[in-house]
Every structure is written in C-alpha cells, then in structure tokens.
PDB file of N, CA and C in Angstrom:
ATOM      1  N   MET A   1      -3.685  39.141 -23.466  1.00  0.00           N
ATOM      2  CA  MET A   1      -2.883  38.329 -24.355  1.00  0.00           C
ATOM      3  C   MET A   1      -1.510  38.050 -23.756  1.00  0.00           C
ATOM      4  N   GLU A   2      -0.999  38.994 -22.958  1.00  0.00           N
ATOM      5  CA  GLU A   2       0.326  38.785 -22.387  1.00  0.00           C
ATOM      6  C   GLU A   2       0.326  37.701 -21.319  1.00  0.00           C
ATOM      7  N   SER A   3      -0.832  37.504 -20.680  1.00  0.00           N
ATOM      8  CA  SER A   3      -0.882  36.489 -19.632  1.00  0.00           C
ATOM      9  C   SER A   3      -0.807  35.072 -20.218  1.00  0.00           C
ATOM     10  N   ILE A   4      -1.190  34.916 -21.478  1.00  0.00           N
ATOM     11  CA  ILE A   4      -1.134  33.590 -22.094  1.00  0.00           C
ATOM     12  C   ILE A   4       0.311  33.133 -22.271  1.00  0.00           C
ATOM     13  N   TYR A   5       1.225  34.069 -22.430  1.00  0.00           N
ATOM     14  CA  TYR A   5       2.639  33.728 -22.546  1.00  0.00           C
ATOM     15  C   TYR A   5       3.170  33.148 -21.230  1.00  0.00           C
ATOM     16  N   LEU A   6       2.537  33.476 -20.155  1.00  0.00           N
ATOM     17  CA  LEU A   6       2.923  32.917 -18.852  1.00  0.00           C
ATOM     18  C   LEU A   6       2.132  31.649 -18.541  1.00  0.00           C
ATOM     19  N   LEU A   7       0.860  31.614 -18.878  1.00  0.00           N
ATOM     20  CA  LEU A   7       0.011  30.486 -18.505  1.00  0.00           C
ATOM     21  C   LEU A   7       0.329  29.200 -19.273  1.00  0.00           C
ATOM     22  N   ILE A   8       0.692  29.304 -20.534  1.00  0.00           N
ATOM     23  CA  ILE A   8       0.983  28.097 -21.314  1.00  0.00           C
ATOM     24  C   ILE A   8       2.223  27.370 -20.772  1.00  0.00           C
ATOM     25  N   PRO A   9       3.350  28.039 -20.550  1.00  0.00           N
ATOM     26  CA  PRO A   9       4.498  27.311 -19.983  1.00  0.00           C
ATOM     27  C   PRO A   9       4.225  26.768 -18.572  1.00  0.00           C
ATOM     28  N   VAL A  10       3.477  27.503 -17.778  1.00  0.00           N
ATOM     29  CA  VAL A  10       3.143  27.026 -16.438  1.00  0.00           C
ATOM     30  C   VAL A  10       2.275  25.780 -16.512  1.00  0.00           C
ATOM     31  N   SER A  11       1.323  25.761 -17.435  1.00  0.00           N
ATOM     32  CA  SER A  11       0.462  24.588 -17.568  1.00  0.00           C
ATOM     33  C   SER A  11       1.237  23.388 -18.113  1.00  0.00           C
ATOM     34  N   VAL A  12       2.180  23.610 -19.004  1.00  0.00           N
ATOM     35  CA  VAL A  12       3.007  22.515 -19.516  1.00  0.00           C
ATOM     36  C   VAL A  12       3.874  21.950 -18.390  1.00  0.00           C
ATOM     37  N   LEU A  13       4.460  22.800 -17.579  1.00  0.00           N
ATOM     38  CA  LEU A  13       5.246  22.330 -16.439  1.00  0.00           C
ATOM     39  C   LEU A  13       4.378  21.565 -15.445  1.00  0.00           C
ATOM     40  N   LEU A  14       3.163  22.008 -15.239  1.00  0.00           N
ATOM     41  CA  LEU A  14       2.247  21.323 -14.330  1.00  0.00           C
ATOM     42  C   LEU A  14       1.881  19.937 -14.863  1.00  0.00           C
ATOM     43  N   VAL A  15       1.659  19.825 -16.159  1.00  0.00           N
ATOM     44  CA  VAL A  15       1.363  18.523 -16.765  1.00  0.00           C
ATOM     45  C   VAL A  15       2.551  17.586 -16.596  1.00  0.00           C
ATOM     46  N   PHE A  16       3.765  18.075 -16.827  1.00  0.00           N
ATOM     47  CA  PHE A  16       4.946  17.230 -16.643  1.00  0.00           C
ATOM     48  C   PHE A  16       5.122  16.823 -15.188  1.00  0.00           C
ATOM     49  N   ALA A  17       4.835  17.701 -14.254  1.00  0.00           N
ATOM     50  CA  ALA A  17       4.950  17.360 -12.829  1.00  0.00           C
ATOM     51  C   ALA A  17       3.932  16.290 -12.437  1.00  0.00           C
ATOM     52  N   ILE A  18       2.711  16.424 -12.910  1.00  0.00           N
ATOM     53  CA  ILE A  18       1.682  15.427 -12.608  1.00  0.00           C
ATOM     54  C   ILE A  18       2.027  14.094 -13.260  1.00  0.00           C
ATOM     55  N   ALA A  19       2.490  14.116 -14.498  1.00  0.00           N
ATOM     56  CA  ALA A  19       2.882  12.875 -15.178  1.00  0.00           C
ATOM     57  C   ALA A  19       4.059  12.219 -14.466  1.00  0.00           C
ATOM     58  N   GLY A  20       5.005  13.006 -13.999  1.00  0.00           N
ATOM     59  CA  GLY A  20       6.142  12.457 -13.252  1.00  0.00           C
ATOM     60  C   GLY A  20       5.708  11.847 -11.932  1.00  0.00           C
ATOM     61  N   ALA A  21       4.793  12.481 -11.225  1.00  0.00           N
ATOM     62  CA  ALA A  21       4.294  11.929  -9.965  1.00  0.00           C
ATOM     63  C   ALA A  21       3.524  10.632 -10.205  1.00  0.00           C
ATOM     64  N   PHE A  22       2.749  10.594 -11.277  1.00  0.00           N
ATOM     65  CA  PHE A  22       2.021   9.373 -11.608  1.00  0.00           C
ATOM     66  C   PHE A  22       2.979   8.261 -11.994  1.00  0.00           C
ATOM     67  N   TRP A  23       3.979   8.555 -12.791  1.00  0.00           N
ATOM     68  CA  TRP A  23       4.969   7.555 -13.200  1.00  0.00           C
ATOM     69  C   TRP A  23       5.706   7.016 -11.977  1.00  0.00           C
ATOM     70  N   TRP A  24       6.101   7.892 -11.057  1.00  0.00           N
ATOM     71  CA  TRP A  24       6.787   7.452  -9.842  1.00  0.00           C
ATOM     72  C   TRP A  24       5.893   6.539  -9.001  1.00  0.00           C
ATOM     73  N   SER A  25       4.610   6.872  -8.874  1.00  0.00           N
ATOM     74  CA  SER A  25       3.719   6.051  -8.051  1.00  0.00           C
ATOM     75  C   SER A  25       3.482   4.682  -8.680  1.00  0.00           C
ATOM     76  N   VAL A  26       3.432   4.608  -9.998  1.00  0.00           N
ATOM     77  CA  VAL A  26       3.273   3.312 -10.659  1.00  0.00           C
ATOM     78  C   VAL A  26       4.535   2.482 -10.490  1.00  0.00           C
ATOM     79  N   ARG A  27       5.698   3.082 -10.648  1.00  0.00           N
ATOM     80  CA  ARG A  27       6.965   2.351 -10.536  1.00  0.00           C
ATOM     81  C   ARG A  27       7.243   1.909  -9.097  1.00  0.00           C
ATOM     82  N   SER A  28       6.732   2.627  -8.104  1.00  0.00           N
ATOM     83  CA  SER A  28       7.000   2.258  -6.712  1.00  0.00           C
ATOM     84  C   SER A  28       5.969   1.277  -6.166  1.00  0.00           C
ATOM     85  N   GLY A  29       4.992   0.867  -6.965  1.00  0.00           N
ATOM     86  CA  GLY A  29       4.061  -0.168  -6.551  1.00  0.00           C
ATOM     87  C   GLY A  29       2.821   0.318  -5.829  1.00  0.00           C
ATOM     88  N   GLN A  30       2.459   1.544  -5.991  1.00  0.00           N
ATOM     89  CA  GLN A  30       1.279   2.076  -5.316  1.00  0.00           C
ATOM     90  C   GLN A  30      -0.018   1.479  -5.842  1.00  0.00           C
ATOM     91  N   PHE A  31      -0.026   0.998  -7.079  1.00  0.00           N
ATOM     92  CA  PHE A  31      -1.246   0.483  -7.686  1.00  0.00           C
ATOM     93  C   PHE A  31      -1.190  -1.025  -7.911  1.00  0.00           C
ATOM     94  N   ASP A  32      -0.335  -1.734  -7.176  1.00  0.00           N
ATOM     95  CA  ASP A  32      -0.195  -3.173  -7.391  1.00  0.00           C
ATOM     96  C   ASP A  32      -1.450  -3.945  -6.998  1.00  0.00           C
ATOM     97  N   ASP A  33      -1.982  -3.698  -5.813  1.00  0.00           N
ATOM     98  CA  ASP A  33      -3.134  -4.454  -5.324  1.00  0.00           C
ATOM     99  C   ASP A  33      -4.236  -3.473  -4.947  1.00  0.00           C
ATOM    100  N   LEU A  34      -5.217  -3.326  -5.833  1.00  0.00           N
ATOM    101  CA  LEU A  34      -6.296  -2.382  -5.574  1.00  0.00           C
ATOM    102  C   LEU A  34      -7.456  -3.012  -4.819  1.00  0.00           C
ATOM    103  N   GLU A  35      -7.612  -4.342  -4.894  1.00  0.00           N
ATOM    104  CA  GLU A  35      -8.753  -4.993  -4.268  1.00  0.00           C
ATOM    105  C   GLU A  35      -8.441  -5.553  -2.892  1.00  0.00           C
ATOM    106  N   GLY A  36      -7.187  -5.829  -2.598  1.00  0.00           N
ATOM    107  CA  GLY A  36      -6.804  -6.460  -1.335  1.00  0.00           C
ATOM    108  C   GLY A  36      -7.232  -5.699  -0.089  1.00  0.00           C
ATOM    109  N   PRO A  37      -6.960  -4.403   0.009  1.00  0.00           N
ATOM    110  CA  PRO A  37      -7.364  -3.684   1.215  1.00  0.00           C
ATOM    111  C   PRO A  37      -8.872  -3.666   1.433  1.00  0.00           C
ATOM    112  N   GLY A  38      -9.643  -3.661   0.363  1.00  0.00           N
ATOM    113  CA  GLY A  38     -11.103  -3.691   0.505  1.00  0.00           C
ATOM    114  C   GLY A  38     -11.593  -5.018   1.043  1.00  0.00           C
ATOM    115  N   PHE A  39     -10.974  -6.114   0.598  1.00  0.00           N
ATOM    116  CA  PHE A  39     -11.373  -7.437   1.088  1.00  0.00           C
ATOM    117  C   PHE A  39     -10.824  -7.711   2.479  1.00  0.00           C
ATOM    118  N   ARG A  40      -9.713  -7.097   2.838  1.00  0.00           N
ATOM    119  CA  ARG A  40      -9.109  -7.321   4.147  1.00  0.00           C
ATOM    120  C   ARG A  40     -10.033  -6.846   5.276  1.00  0.00           C
ATOM    121  N   ILE A  41     -10.827  -5.812   5.013  1.00  0.00           N
ATOM    122  CA  ILE A  41     -11.779  -5.320   6.004  1.00  0.00           C
ATOM    123  C   ILE A  41     -12.843  -6.369   6.286  1.00  0.00           C
ATOM    124  N   LEU A  42     -13.207  -7.127   5.269  1.00  0.00           N
ATOM    125  CA  LEU A  42     -14.276  -8.116   5.409  1.00  0.00           C
ATOM    126  C   LEU A  42     -13.815  -9.427   6.036  1.00  0.00           C
ATOM    127  N   MET A  43     -12.514  -9.618   6.182  1.00  0.00           N
ATOM    128  CA  MET A  43     -12.002 -10.858   6.769  1.00  0.00           C
ATOM    129  C   MET A  43     -12.428 -10.951   8.227  1.00  0.00           C
ATOM    130  N   ASP A  44     -12.755 -12.179   8.663  1.00  0.00           N
ATOM    131  CA  ASP A  44     -13.214 -12.392  10.031  1.00  0.00           C
ATOM    132  C   ASP A  44     -12.011 -12.687  10.926  1.00  0.00           C
ATOM    133  N   ASP A  45     -11.776 -11.823  11.894  1.00  0.00           N
ATOM    134  CA  ASP A  45     -10.659 -12.003  12.816  1.00  0.00           C
ATOM    135  C   ASP A  45     -11.112 -12.479  14.191  1.00  0.00           C
ATOM    136  N   ASP A  46     -12.341 -12.997  14.323  1.00  0.00           N
ATOM    137  CA  ASP A  46     -12.859 -13.392  15.622  1.00  0.00           C
ATOM    138  C   ASP A  46     -12.323 -14.739  16.103  1.00  0.00           C
ATOM    139  N   GLU A  47     -11.787 -15.549  15.202  1.00  0.00           N
ATOM    140  CA  GLU A  47     -11.288 -16.855  15.589  1.00  0.00           C
ATOM    141  C   GLU A  47      -9.989 -16.721  16.368  1.00  0.00           C
ATOM    142  N   ALA A  48      -9.819 -17.636  17.353  1.00  0.00           N
ATOM    143  CA  ALA A  48      -8.578 -17.658  18.120  1.00  0.00           C
ATOM    144  C   ALA A  48      -7.472 -18.228  17.237  1.00  0.00           C
ATOM    145  N   PRO A  49      -6.248 -17.792  17.440  1.00  0.00           N
ATOM    146  CA  PRO A  49      -5.159 -18.346  16.642  1.00  0.00           C
ATOM    147  C   PRO A  49      -4.972 -19.827  16.964  1.00  0.00           C
ATOM    148  N   PRO A  50      -4.583 -20.630  16.001  1.00  0.00           N
ATOM    149  CA  PRO A  50      -4.415 -22.063  16.252  1.00  0.00           C
ATOM    150  C   PRO A  50      -3.301 -22.312  17.257  1.00  0.00           C
ATOM    151  N   THR A  51      -3.534 -23.282  18.124  1.00  0.00           N
ATOM    152  CA  THR A  51      -2.530 -23.637  19.116  1.00  0.00           C
ATOM    153  C   THR A  51      -1.724 -24.822  18.616  1.00  0.00           C
ATOM    154  N   SER A  52      -0.532 -24.932  19.104  1.00  0.00           N
ATOM    155  CA  SER A  52       0.346 -26.026  18.695  1.00  0.00           C
ATOM    156  C   SER A  52      -0.019 -27.280  19.471  1.00  0.00           C
ATOM    157  N   ASN A  53      -0.103 -28.421  18.779  1.00  0.00           N
ATOM    158  CA  ASN A  53      -0.408 -29.689  19.422  1.00  0.00           C
ATOM    159  C   ASN A  53       0.849 -30.498  19.700  1.00  0.00           C
ATOM    160  N   ALA A  54       1.992 -29.867  19.666  1.00  0.00           N
ATOM    161  CA  ALA A  54       3.239 -30.570  19.915  1.00  0.00           C
ATOM    162  C   ALA A  54       3.322 -30.970  21.387  1.00  0.00           C
ATOM    163  N   PRO A  55       3.820 -32.172  21.673  1.00  0.00           N
ATOM    164  CA  PRO A  55       3.931 -32.592  23.077  1.00  0.00           C
ATOM    165  C   PRO A  55       4.959 -31.740  23.812  1.00  0.00           C
ATOM    166  N   THR A  56       4.687 -31.477  25.059  1.00  0.00           N
ATOM    167  CA  THR A  56       5.590 -30.680  25.872  1.00  0.00           C
ATOM    168  C   THR A  56       6.423 -31.610  26.725  1.00  0.00           C
ATOM    169  N   ASP A  57       7.605 -31.200  27.027  1.00  0.00           N
ATOM    170  CA  ASP A  57       8.524 -31.970  27.855  1.00  0.00           C
ATOM    171  C   ASP A  57       8.414 -31.431  29.276  1.00  0.00           C
ATOM    172  N   ASP A  58       7.699 -32.136  30.145  1.00  0.00           N
ATOM    173  CA  ASP A  58       7.446 -31.676  31.519  1.00  0.00           C
ATOM    174  C   ASP A  58       8.714 -31.653  32.340  1.00  0.00           C
ATOM    175  N   LYS A  59       9.710 -32.491  32.026  1.00  0.00           N
ATOM    176  CA  LYS A  59      10.952 -32.520  32.808  1.00  0.00           C
ATOM    177  C   LYS A  59      11.719 -31.212  32.658  1.00  0.00           C
ATOM    178  N   SER A  60      11.720 -30.646  31.470  1.00  0.00           N
ATOM    179  CA  SER A  60      12.471 -29.407  31.264  1.00  0.00           C
ATOM    180  C   SER A  60      11.785 -28.227  31.940  1.00  0.00           C
ATOM    181  N   VAL A  61      10.460 -28.303  32.090  1.00  0.00           N
ATOM    182  CA  VAL A  61       9.715 -27.212  32.717  1.00  0.00           C
ATOM    183  C   VAL A  61       9.888 -27.269  34.224  1.00  0.00           C
ATOM    184  N   ASN A  62       9.815 -28.477  34.820  1.00  0.00           N
ATOM    185  CA  ASN A  62       9.867 -28.626  36.268  1.00  0.00           C
ATOM    186  C   ASN A  62      11.287 -28.782  36.809  1.00  0.00           C
ATOM    187  N   GLY A  63      12.207 -28.871  36.008  1.00  0.00           N
ATOM    188  CA  GLY A  63      13.543 -28.855  36.513  1.00  0.00           C
ATOM    189  C   GLY A  63      14.350 -29.997  36.175  1.00  0.00           C
TER     190      GLY A  63
END
C-alpha cells in the first residue's frame, strides 16, 4: 500500500511529460505533412533536369 503513494504521483508526472512532448511536437510542425514523405519515395527521378533553351552569346565565351 505504501508503494501506491509513490506510484500515483510518478504516473501523473509521466502523463504530463508525455502530454507536453506531444504538444511541443504538434506546435513545432512534426505532424504537418504525413503523406508527403511516403509519396516522395514513389516519385520518378530518372529524368534529366530540363536544359535552358536561351541563346548563348559566343562572343563573350571566345573573347
């Protein structure tokens, strides 16, 4: 029976610590985008990056 006097306050403090950690993670944006990282794996990165079609000035390159 004496151990319950110690376990109840410890469990209440543990609940407050877990609730505080959860509140901090929600406020800092940890749960903003839950689906994005899963879809990012499926994105196809095999394509070459687009090249610029802007005309080049050959005079500035050759001198």
